[in-house]
Amino acid sequence: TCGLWTLFHVMTLGVVEYNSRQDDYKDMISTGDAANHLRDYILRFFACDECRKNFVTSYDNCDFGRCDRLGHDADSTTLEHWKELPLWLWEVHNAVNVRLQKEKAEREHQPLPTVENQWQ
């Protein structure tokens, strides 16, 4: 799934880059619409059932401020607003990594990784 996460991150950065090069707002992609397409893609094509359910539930619950941070009107946003899309996905991805580390530690009856013991 690392390749898929890379694709998702590149896609969100692509929205920022694409919008920053447009002169007409009607040609821009809203962050909310891009996020909806990402959600729908994961819902339909992500092979891991648990991963798919976790992502869609998080998305639908507006976790990480998605509903407040991502808008559906490209003409009312600026570069700073467009940057919220890749930042939001970065936060989602980090939360997934933390959850997976916790699950692994529990399975292996190991302490959770910390900054101190991570580099030993």
N, C-alpha and C. Protein backbone atom coordinates (compact mmCIF):
# COMPACT_ATOMS: atom_id res chain seq x y z
N THR A 1 0.81 -1.21 0.00
CA THR A 1 0.00 0.00 0.00
C THR A 1 0.85 1.27 0.00
N CYS A 2 2.16 1.13 0.19
CA CYS A 2 3.02 2.33 0.18
C CYS A 2 2.92 3.05 -1.16
N GLY A 3 2.85 2.28 -2.25
CA GLY A 3 2.72 2.90 -3.56
C GLY A 3 1.42 3.66 -3.71
N LEU A 4 0.35 3.14 -3.13
CA LEU A 4 -0.93 3.84 -3.20
C LEU A 4 -0.89 5.14 -2.39
N TRP A 5 -0.30 5.08 -1.20
CA TRP A 5 -0.18 6.30 -0.41
C TRP A 5 0.63 7.34 -1.17
N THR A 6 1.69 6.90 -1.82
CA THR A 6 2.50 7.84 -2.61
C THR A 6 1.65 8.46 -3.71
N LEU A 7 0.87 7.65 -4.39
CA LEU A 7 -0.02 8.15 -5.44
C LEU A 7 -1.01 9.17 -4.86
N PHE A 8 -1.59 8.87 -3.71
CA PHE A 8 -2.55 9.78 -3.10
C PHE A 8 -1.89 11.10 -2.73
N HIS A 9 -0.69 11.03 -2.16
CA HIS A 9 0.02 12.27 -1.79
C HIS A 9 0.36 13.10 -3.04
N VAL A 10 0.82 12.44 -4.08
CA VAL A 10 1.15 13.15 -5.32
C VAL A 10 -0.11 13.79 -5.91
N MET A 11 -1.22 13.07 -5.85
CA MET A 11 -2.48 13.60 -6.36
C MET A 11 -2.88 14.88 -5.63
N THR A 12 -2.76 14.88 -4.30
CA THR A 12 -3.16 16.07 -3.55
C THR A 12 -2.23 17.25 -3.85
N LEU A 13 -0.96 16.96 -4.01
CA LEU A 13 -0.02 18.03 -4.39
C LEU A 13 -0.29 18.51 -5.81
N GLY A 14 -0.72 17.58 -6.66
CA GLY A 14 -1.06 17.94 -8.04
C GLY A 14 -2.22 18.91 -8.10
N VAL A 15 -3.18 18.78 -7.21
CA VAL A 15 -4.30 19.72 -7.17
C VAL A 15 -3.79 21.13 -6.87
N VAL A 16 -2.90 21.23 -5.89
CA VAL A 16 -2.34 22.54 -5.54
C VAL A 16 -1.59 23.11 -6.73
N GLU A 17 -0.74 22.30 -7.34
CA GLU A 17 0.05 22.76 -8.48
C GLU A 17 -0.85 23.15 -9.66
N TYR A 18 -1.82 22.31 -9.97
CA TYR A 18 -2.73 22.59 -11.07
C TYR A 18 -3.48 23.91 -10.84
N ASN A 19 -4.06 24.06 -9.65
CA ASN A 19 -4.83 25.27 -9.36
C ASN A 19 -3.96 26.52 -9.40
N SER A 20 -2.73 26.40 -8.96
CA SER A 20 -1.87 27.58 -8.93
C SER A 20 -1.50 28.06 -10.33
N ARG A 21 -1.72 27.24 -11.34
CA ARG A 21 -1.38 27.60 -12.71
C ARG A 21 -2.61 28.04 -13.54
N GLN A 22 -3.77 28.03 -12.92
CA GLN A 22 -4.99 28.38 -13.64
C GLN A 22 -5.27 29.88 -13.51
N ASP A 23 -5.73 30.48 -14.59
CA ASP A 23 -6.11 31.89 -14.58
C ASP A 23 -7.60 32.07 -14.30
N ASP A 24 -8.37 31.07 -14.62
CA ASP A 24 -9.82 31.16 -14.49
C ASP A 24 -10.29 30.19 -13.41
N TYR A 25 -11.03 30.70 -12.44
CA TYR A 25 -11.49 29.86 -11.33
C TYR A 25 -12.33 28.68 -11.79
N LYS A 26 -13.03 28.83 -12.90
CA LYS A 26 -13.88 27.72 -13.35
C LYS A 26 -13.07 26.51 -13.81
N ASP A 27 -11.77 26.69 -14.05
CA ASP A 27 -10.91 25.58 -14.43
C ASP A 27 -10.23 24.91 -13.24
N MET A 28 -10.44 25.43 -12.05
CA MET A 28 -9.78 24.92 -10.85
C MET A 28 -10.54 23.74 -10.25
N ILE A 29 -9.82 22.97 -9.48
CA ILE A 29 -10.37 21.80 -8.79
C ILE A 29 -10.48 22.16 -7.31
N SER A 30 -11.66 22.03 -6.75
CA SER A 30 -11.80 22.34 -5.32
C SER A 30 -11.18 21.22 -4.50
N THR A 31 -10.67 21.59 -3.32
CA THR A 31 -10.07 20.59 -2.44
C THR A 31 -11.10 19.58 -1.96
N GLY A 32 -12.32 20.05 -1.74
CA GLY A 32 -13.39 19.14 -1.32
C GLY A 32 -13.73 18.12 -2.39
N ASP A 33 -13.80 18.57 -3.64
CA ASP A 33 -14.09 17.64 -4.73
C ASP A 33 -12.96 16.63 -4.92
N ALA A 34 -11.71 17.09 -4.83
CA ALA A 34 -10.57 16.18 -4.96
C ALA A 34 -10.59 15.15 -3.84
N ALA A 35 -10.89 15.59 -2.62
CA ALA A 35 -10.96 14.66 -1.48
C ALA A 35 -12.10 13.67 -1.66
N ASN A 36 -13.23 14.12 -2.17
CA ASN A 36 -14.35 13.19 -2.42
C ASN A 36 -13.97 12.12 -3.44
N HIS A 37 -13.24 12.52 -4.48
CA HIS A 37 -12.81 11.54 -5.48
C HIS A 37 -11.84 10.54 -4.86
N LEU A 38 -10.95 11.01 -3.99
CA LEU A 38 -10.03 10.12 -3.30
C LEU A 38 -10.81 9.13 -2.43
N ARG A 39 -11.78 9.62 -1.69
CA ARG A 39 -12.62 8.76 -0.85
C ARG A 39 -13.31 7.69 -1.69
N ASP A 40 -13.91 8.12 -2.79
CA ASP A 40 -14.64 7.17 -3.63
C ASP A 40 -13.70 6.14 -4.26
N TYR A 41 -12.51 6.56 -4.63
CA TYR A 41 -11.53 5.63 -5.19
C TYR A 41 -11.17 4.57 -4.15
N ILE A 42 -10.89 5.02 -2.94
CA ILE A 42 -10.53 4.08 -1.88
C ILE A 42 -11.70 3.15 -1.59
N LEU A 43 -12.90 3.68 -1.55
CA LEU A 43 -14.09 2.86 -1.29
C LEU A 43 -14.26 1.76 -2.33
N ARG A 44 -14.00 2.07 -3.57
CA ARG A 44 -14.26 1.11 -4.65
C ARG A 44 -13.08 0.19 -4.98
N PHE A 45 -11.85 0.67 -4.76
CA PHE A 45 -10.71 -0.08 -5.28
C PHE A 45 -9.67 -0.52 -4.25
N PHE A 46 -9.73 -0.02 -3.02
CA PHE A 46 -8.73 -0.40 -2.04
C PHE A 46 -8.94 -1.85 -1.65
N ALA A 47 -7.92 -2.66 -1.77
CA ALA A 47 -8.05 -4.11 -1.59
C ALA A 47 -8.22 -4.51 -0.13
N CYS A 48 -7.65 -3.78 0.78
CA CYS A 48 -7.72 -4.10 2.21
C CYS A 48 -9.07 -3.64 2.77
N ASP A 49 -9.92 -4.58 3.14
CA ASP A 49 -11.27 -4.25 3.61
C ASP A 49 -11.23 -3.40 4.88
N GLU A 50 -10.42 -3.79 5.85
CA GLU A 50 -10.32 -3.04 7.10
C GLU A 50 -9.78 -1.63 6.86
N CYS A 51 -8.77 -1.53 5.99
CA CYS A 51 -8.18 -0.22 5.67
C CYS A 51 -9.23 0.67 5.00
N ARG A 52 -9.97 0.10 4.08
CA ARG A 52 -11.00 0.84 3.36
C ARG A 52 -12.05 1.36 4.34
N LYS A 53 -12.52 0.48 5.21
CA LYS A 53 -13.55 0.89 6.18
C LYS A 53 -13.03 1.98 7.11
N ASN A 54 -11.79 1.82 7.58
CA ASN A 54 -11.22 2.82 8.49
C ASN A 54 -11.10 4.18 7.81
N PHE A 55 -10.62 4.19 6.56
CA PHE A 55 -10.47 5.47 5.85
C PHE A 55 -11.82 6.12 5.62
N VAL A 56 -12.77 5.37 5.09
CA VAL A 56 -14.09 5.95 4.77
C VAL A 56 -14.79 6.44 6.03
N THR A 57 -14.69 5.69 7.12
CA THR A 57 -15.29 6.13 8.37
C THR A 57 -14.66 7.43 8.86
N SER A 58 -13.34 7.48 8.83
CA SER A 58 -12.63 8.70 9.23
C SER A 58 -13.04 9.88 8.35
N TYR A 59 -13.10 9.63 7.06
CA TYR A 59 -13.48 10.68 6.11
C TYR A 59 -14.90 11.17 6.39
N ASP A 60 -15.82 10.23 6.50
CA ASP A 60 -17.22 10.59 6.69
C ASP A 60 -17.47 11.27 8.03
N ASN A 61 -16.60 11.01 9.02
CA ASN A 61 -16.71 11.66 10.33
C ASN A 61 -16.01 13.02 10.37
N CYS A 62 -15.46 13.44 9.24
CA CYS A 62 -14.76 14.73 9.14
C CYS A 62 -13.55 14.80 10.06
N ASP A 63 -12.90 13.66 10.29
CA ASP A 63 -11.71 13.64 11.14
C ASP A 63 -10.63 14.55 10.57
N PHE A 64 -9.81 15.05 11.46
CA PHE A 64 -8.71 15.96 11.13
C PHE A 64 -9.22 17.25 10.49
N GLY A 65 -10.46 17.61 10.84
CA GLY A 65 -11.02 18.87 10.38
C GLY A 65 -11.34 18.92 8.90
N ARG A 66 -11.50 17.77 8.27
CA ARG A 66 -11.72 17.75 6.83
C ARG A 66 -12.86 18.67 6.40
N CYS A 67 -13.99 18.60 7.08
CA CYS A 67 -15.16 19.37 6.65
C CYS A 67 -14.95 20.87 6.79
N ASP A 68 -14.10 21.28 7.71
CA ASP A 68 -13.81 22.71 7.89
C ASP A 68 -12.66 23.17 7.01
N ARG A 69 -11.75 22.27 6.69
CA ARG A 69 -10.52 22.65 5.98
C ARG A 69 -10.64 22.57 4.46
N LEU A 70 -11.47 21.68 3.96
CA LEU A 70 -11.55 21.45 2.52
C LEU A 70 -12.89 21.96 2.00
N GLY A 71 -12.82 22.82 1.00
CA GLY A 71 -14.03 23.43 0.47
C GLY A 71 -14.41 22.90 -0.90
N HIS A 72 -15.61 23.22 -1.31
CA HIS A 72 -16.12 22.76 -2.62
C HIS A 72 -16.20 23.87 -3.65
N ASP A 73 -15.77 25.06 -3.29
CA ASP A 73 -15.79 26.18 -4.23
C ASP A 73 -14.36 26.60 -4.54
N ALA A 74 -13.84 26.15 -5.65
CA ALA A 74 -12.46 26.49 -6.03
C ALA A 74 -12.29 27.99 -6.20
N ASP A 75 -13.35 28.68 -6.60
CA ASP A 75 -13.22 30.12 -6.85
C ASP A 75 -13.12 30.95 -5.57
N SER A 76 -13.42 30.34 -4.43
CA SER A 76 -13.36 31.10 -3.18
C SER A 76 -12.15 30.71 -2.34
N THR A 77 -11.22 30.00 -2.92
CA THR A 77 -10.06 29.58 -2.15
C THR A 77 -8.78 30.16 -2.73
N THR A 78 -7.75 30.10 -1.95
CA THR A 78 -6.44 30.62 -2.34
C THR A 78 -5.42 29.49 -2.23
N LEU A 79 -4.20 29.80 -2.58
CA LEU A 79 -3.13 28.82 -2.48
C LEU A 79 -3.05 28.24 -1.07
N GLU A 80 -3.22 29.09 -0.07
CA GLU A 80 -3.18 28.60 1.32
C GLU A 80 -4.29 27.60 1.59
N HIS A 81 -5.47 27.83 1.04
CA HIS A 81 -6.57 26.87 1.21
C HIS A 81 -6.29 25.58 0.46
N TRP A 82 -5.73 25.67 -0.74
CA TRP A 82 -5.45 24.47 -1.52
C TRP A 82 -4.43 23.59 -0.82
N LYS A 83 -3.50 24.21 -0.09
CA LYS A 83 -2.48 23.45 0.62
C LYS A 83 -3.06 22.60 1.74
N GLU A 84 -4.27 22.92 2.16
CA GLU A 84 -4.91 22.14 3.22
C GLU A 84 -5.16 20.70 2.79
N LEU A 85 -5.36 20.46 1.51
CA LEU A 85 -5.62 19.10 1.03
C LEU A 85 -4.43 18.17 1.28
N PRO A 86 -3.22 18.50 0.82
CA PRO A 86 -2.10 17.60 1.12
C PRO A 86 -1.76 17.56 2.60
N LEU A 87 -1.96 18.66 3.32
CA LEU A 87 -1.70 18.64 4.76
C LEU A 87 -2.69 17.73 5.48
N TRP A 88 -3.94 17.80 5.09
CA TRP A 88 -4.96 16.92 5.67
C TRP A 88 -4.61 15.45 5.42
N LEU A 89 -4.24 15.12 4.18
CA LEU A 89 -3.91 13.73 3.87
C LEU A 89 -2.67 13.28 4.65
N TRP A 90 -1.71 14.15 4.82
CA TRP A 90 -0.52 13.84 5.59
C TRP A 90 -0.91 13.48 7.03
N GLU A 91 -1.84 14.23 7.62
CA GLU A 91 -2.30 13.94 8.98
C GLU A 91 -3.04 12.60 9.04
N VAL A 92 -3.87 12.34 8.05
CA VAL A 92 -4.58 11.06 7.98
C VAL A 92 -3.58 9.91 7.90
N HIS A 93 -2.61 10.04 7.02
CA HIS A 93 -1.61 8.98 6.81
C HIS A 93 -0.80 8.76 8.09
N ASN A 94 -0.39 9.84 8.75
CA ASN A 94 0.35 9.70 10.01
C ASN A 94 -0.48 8.97 11.06
N ALA A 95 -1.76 9.27 11.14
CA ALA A 95 -2.63 8.59 12.10
C ALA A 95 -2.72 7.10 11.79
N VAL A 96 -2.77 6.76 10.52
CA VAL A 96 -2.78 5.34 10.13
C VAL A 96 -1.49 4.66 10.60
N ASN A 97 -0.36 5.33 10.37
CA ASN A 97 0.92 4.75 10.79
C ASN A 97 0.99 4.56 12.29
N VAL A 98 0.49 5.52 13.06
CA VAL A 98 0.48 5.40 14.52
C VAL A 98 -0.40 4.23 14.94
N ARG A 99 -1.59 4.12 14.35
CA ARG A 99 -2.49 3.01 14.69
C ARG A 99 -1.86 1.67 14.37
N LEU A 100 -1.21 1.57 13.22
CA LEU A 100 -0.57 0.31 12.84
C LEU A 100 0.58 -0.04 13.78
N GLN A 101 1.35 0.96 14.21
CA GLN A 101 2.44 0.72 15.18
C GLN A 101 1.88 0.21 16.51
N LYS A 102 0.78 0.80 16.96
CA LYS A 102 0.15 0.36 18.20
C LYS A 102 -0.34 -1.08 18.08
N GLU A 103 -0.99 -1.41 16.97
CA GLU A 103 -1.48 -2.76 16.76
C GLU A 103 -0.34 -3.76 16.71
N LYS A 104 0.74 -3.41 16.05
CA LYS A 104 1.91 -4.29 15.97
C LYS A 104 2.52 -4.51 17.36
N ALA A 105 2.65 -3.45 18.14
CA ALA A 105 3.21 -3.56 19.48
C ALA A 105 2.34 -4.46 20.36
N GLU A 106 1.03 -4.31 20.24
CA GLU A 106 0.12 -5.16 21.02
C GLU A 106 0.22 -6.62 20.61
N ARG A 107 0.28 -6.88 19.30
CA ARG A 107 0.40 -8.25 18.80
C ARG A 107 1.68 -8.92 19.29
N GLU A 108 2.76 -8.16 19.27
CA GLU A 108 4.07 -8.70 19.61
C GLU A 108 4.42 -8.51 21.09
N HIS A 109 3.45 -8.01 21.86
CA HIS A 109 3.65 -7.77 23.29
C HIS A 109 4.92 -6.97 23.54
N GLN A 110 5.07 -5.89 22.77
CA GLN A 110 6.21 -5.00 22.87
C GLN A 110 5.72 -3.62 23.30
N PRO A 111 6.61 -2.83 23.91
CA PRO A 111 6.20 -1.46 24.24
C PRO A 111 6.06 -0.64 22.96
N LEU A 112 5.25 0.39 23.06
CA LEU A 112 5.09 1.28 21.92
C LEU A 112 6.42 1.98 21.62
N PRO A 113 6.74 2.18 20.35
CA PRO A 113 7.97 2.89 20.02
C PRO A 113 7.91 4.33 20.53
N THR A 114 9.03 4.80 21.00
CA THR A 114 9.16 6.20 21.41
C THR A 114 10.38 6.77 20.70
N VAL A 115 10.54 8.05 20.77
CA VAL A 115 11.70 8.68 20.17
C VAL A 115 12.97 8.12 20.81
N GLU A 116 12.92 7.93 22.12
CA GLU A 116 14.10 7.45 22.83
C GLU A 116 14.50 6.03 22.42
N ASN A 117 13.53 5.11 22.35
CA ASN A 117 13.88 3.72 22.04
C ASN A 117 13.86 3.40 20.56
N GLN A 118 13.39 4.32 19.75
CA GLN A 118 13.33 4.09 18.31
C GLN A 118 14.73 4.02 17.69
N TRP A 119 15.66 4.75 18.23
CA TRP A 119 16.99 4.87 17.64
C TRP A 119 18.03 4.03 18.35
N GLN A 120 17.63 3.13 19.20
CA GLN A 120 18.60 2.27 19.90
C GLN A 120 18.97 1.06 19.08
